[in-house]
Amino acid sequence: MQYHIKQLTVFLENKAGELSDFTHALSKNGISIKSILLADSTDFGLVRTIVDNPQKAKAILEDEGFSVRFTDVFGVKIEDVVGSFDKVVTALAEANINILYTYSFYESNTGIFIFSVEKERFPDALKALEAKNIEVLQAKHFYM
């Protein structure tokens, strides 16, 4: 469980001000957003975010009327050189692990990529990355 990052997945109406309501609920309660991805469809937006206190954030957002769920994801630290991301994706492909989605951000000139894989393949993904000497970040890296 040390590598299981609790990502918040939040459904927003696809209208002006919804994202602001979401971010304001977190900021007024001292929650720091570490990474965020917003995807949209015709009727709703889907926010995937990592925060410094996921349990508190979930409770706050639910109290504010947001639909929230946790998804376990993992983070990989990648050097900013050509082929680094390919090395990670190839390691997972060789282990026959399907990547559901990924997104990234930078921290101190290092790429951090967040990966979601099928729940039952999570341990296999970690083993495949470890076998290729790819650094998987512990969840506590993101928390207070």
Protein backbone atom coordinates (compact mmCIF):
# COMPACT_ATOMS: atom_id res chain seq x y z
CA MET A 1 0.00 0.00 0.00
CA GLN A 2 3.00 2.32 0.27
CA TYR A 3 2.80 3.07 -3.48
CA HIS A 4 -1.00 3.44 -3.68
CA ILE A 5 -1.68 7.16 -4.18
CA LYS A 6 -5.28 8.10 -3.43
CA GLN A 7 -6.38 10.10 -6.44
CA LEU A 8 -9.66 11.96 -6.11
CA THR A 9 -11.98 11.65 -9.08
CA VAL A 10 -14.64 14.35 -9.02
CA PHE A 11 -17.55 14.87 -11.40
CA LEU A 12 -18.37 18.48 -12.26
CA GLU A 13 -21.17 19.96 -14.31
CA ASN A 14 -19.85 21.27 -17.59
CA LYS A 15 -20.59 24.94 -16.87
CA ALA A 16 -18.72 28.10 -15.95
CA GLY A 17 -17.65 28.32 -12.32
CA GLU A 18 -17.76 24.62 -11.43
CA LEU A 19 -13.98 24.22 -11.39
CA SER A 20 -13.68 27.39 -9.34
CA ASP A 21 -16.20 26.05 -6.80
CA PHE A 22 -14.15 22.86 -6.58
CA THR A 23 -10.78 24.58 -6.12
CA HIS A 24 -12.24 27.12 -3.68
CA ALA A 25 -13.67 24.35 -1.47
CA LEU A 26 -10.19 22.85 -1.22
CA SER A 27 -8.20 26.06 -0.79
CA LYS A 28 -10.45 27.57 1.90
CA ASN A 29 -9.88 24.36 3.91
CA GLY A 30 -6.10 24.31 3.52
CA ILE A 31 -5.90 21.48 0.97
CA SER A 32 -3.01 21.72 -1.50
CA ILE A 33 -3.49 20.42 -5.03
CA LYS A 34 -0.36 18.54 -6.12
CA SER A 35 -1.57 17.55 -9.58
CA ILE A 36 -4.79 18.02 -11.52
CA LEU A 37 -6.23 16.88 -14.82
CA LEU A 38 -9.58 18.10 -16.15
CA ALA A 39 -11.28 16.21 -18.96
CA ASP A 40 -14.66 17.12 -20.38
CA SER A 41 -17.58 15.59 -22.16
CA THR A 42 -20.79 17.17 -23.36
CA ASP A 43 -22.53 17.10 -19.99
CA PHE A 44 -19.87 16.92 -17.31
CA GLY A 45 -16.23 17.41 -16.47
CA LEU A 46 -14.07 14.84 -14.77
CA VAL A 47 -11.33 16.07 -12.44
CA ARG A 48 -8.54 13.73 -11.45
CA THR A 49 -6.44 15.24 -8.73
CA ILE A 50 -3.84 14.38 -6.15
CA VAL A 51 -3.91 16.45 -2.98
CA ASP A 52 -1.87 16.55 0.20
CA ASN A 53 -4.68 15.23 2.41
CA PRO A 54 -7.04 13.00 0.38
CA GLN A 55 -9.30 11.85 3.23
CA LYS A 56 -9.97 15.40 4.41
CA ALA A 57 -10.45 16.62 0.83
CA LYS A 58 -12.99 13.87 0.07
CA ALA A 59 -15.02 14.72 3.17
CA ILE A 60 -14.95 18.45 2.39
CA LEU A 61 -15.98 17.97 -1.23
CA GLU A 62 -18.79 15.59 -0.34
CA ASP A 63 -20.06 18.10 2.24
CA GLU A 64 -20.08 20.70 -0.57
CA GLY A 65 -22.22 18.36 -2.71
CA PHE A 66 -19.57 17.03 -5.11
CA SER A 67 -19.60 13.43 -6.29
CA VAL A 68 -16.18 12.07 -5.29
CA ARG A 69 -14.47 8.70 -5.41
CA PHE A 70 -10.97 7.40 -4.77
CA THR A 71 -8.87 5.67 -7.40
CA ASP A 72 -5.54 4.07 -6.55
CA VAL A 73 -2.80 5.25 -8.90
CA PHE A 74 0.99 5.21 -8.74
CA GLY A 75 3.62 7.80 -9.54
CA VAL A 76 6.84 7.23 -11.43
CA LYS A 77 9.81 9.58 -11.32
CA ILE A 78 11.29 10.08 -14.77
CA GLU A 79 14.41 11.92 -15.85
CA ASP A 80 13.87 14.68 -18.38
CA VAL A 81 15.69 12.89 -21.21
CA VAL A 82 14.48 11.42 -24.48
CA GLY A 83 13.18 7.87 -24.04
CA SER A 84 12.47 7.99 -20.30
CA PHE A 85 8.70 7.79 -20.67
CA ASP A 86 9.09 5.12 -23.35
CA LYS A 87 11.12 3.01 -20.91
CA VAL A 88 8.24 3.04 -18.40
CA VAL A 89 5.52 2.34 -20.95
CA THR A 90 7.58 -0.45 -22.52
CA ALA A 91 8.18 -2.10 -19.13
CA LEU A 92 4.43 -2.15 -18.50
CA ALA A 93 3.66 -3.39 -22.04
CA GLU A 94 6.20 -6.22 -21.71
CA ALA A 95 4.40 -7.30 -18.54
CA ASN A 96 1.09 -7.19 -20.45
CA ILE A 97 -0.24 -4.38 -18.25
CA ASN A 98 -2.92 -2.18 -19.78
CA ILE A 99 -2.50 1.51 -18.94
CA LEU A 100 -5.94 3.02 -18.38
CA TYR A 101 -4.62 6.59 -18.37
CA THR A 102 -1.59 8.64 -17.45
CA TYR A 103 -0.82 12.30 -16.84
CA SER A 104 2.23 14.20 -15.72
CA PHE A 105 3.65 17.19 -13.92
CA TYR A 106 7.10 18.46 -13.09
CA GLU A 107 8.70 18.74 -9.69
CA SER A 108 12.21 20.15 -9.32
CA ASN A 109 13.13 19.53 -12.98
CA THR A 110 12.00 15.91 -12.78
CA GLY A 111 8.97 14.46 -14.51
CA ILE A 112 6.40 12.73 -12.37
CA PHE A 113 3.98 10.54 -14.30
CA ILE A 114 0.83 9.24 -12.69
CA PHE A 115 -0.49 5.91 -13.96
CA SER A 116 -3.78 4.13 -13.57
CA VAL A 117 -3.89 0.42 -14.32
CA GLU A 118 -6.47 -2.27 -13.69
CA LYS A 119 -6.77 -2.78 -9.93
CA GLU A 120 -5.85 -6.47 -10.02
CA ARG A 121 -2.68 -5.68 -12.03
CA PHE A 122 -1.39 -2.98 -9.68
CA PRO A 123 1.12 -5.28 -7.91
CA ASP A 124 2.31 -6.67 -11.25
CA ALA A 125 2.88 -3.16 -12.58
CA LEU A 126 5.02 -2.28 -9.57
CA LYS A 127 7.08 -5.47 -9.97
CA ALA A 128 7.59 -4.83 -13.70
CA LEU A 129 8.86 -1.30 -13.03
CA GLU A 130 11.09 -2.42 -10.16
CA ALA A 131 12.63 -5.09 -12.42
CA LYS A 132 13.68 -2.31 -14.85
CA ASN A 133 15.05 -0.07 -12.04
CA ILE A 134 12.32 2.52 -12.58
CA GLU A 135 11.63 4.64 -9.51
CA VAL A 136 8.08 4.39 -8.22
CA LEU A 137 7.30 7.09 -5.67
CA GLN A 138 5.85 6.23 -2.31
CA ALA A 139 2.42 7.73 -1.68
CA LYS A 140 3.74 9.71 1.29
CA HIS A 141 5.73 11.79 -1.21
CA PHE A 142 2.48 13.61 -2.03
CA TYR A 143 0.93 13.89 1.44
CA MET A 144 1.36 16.26 4.35
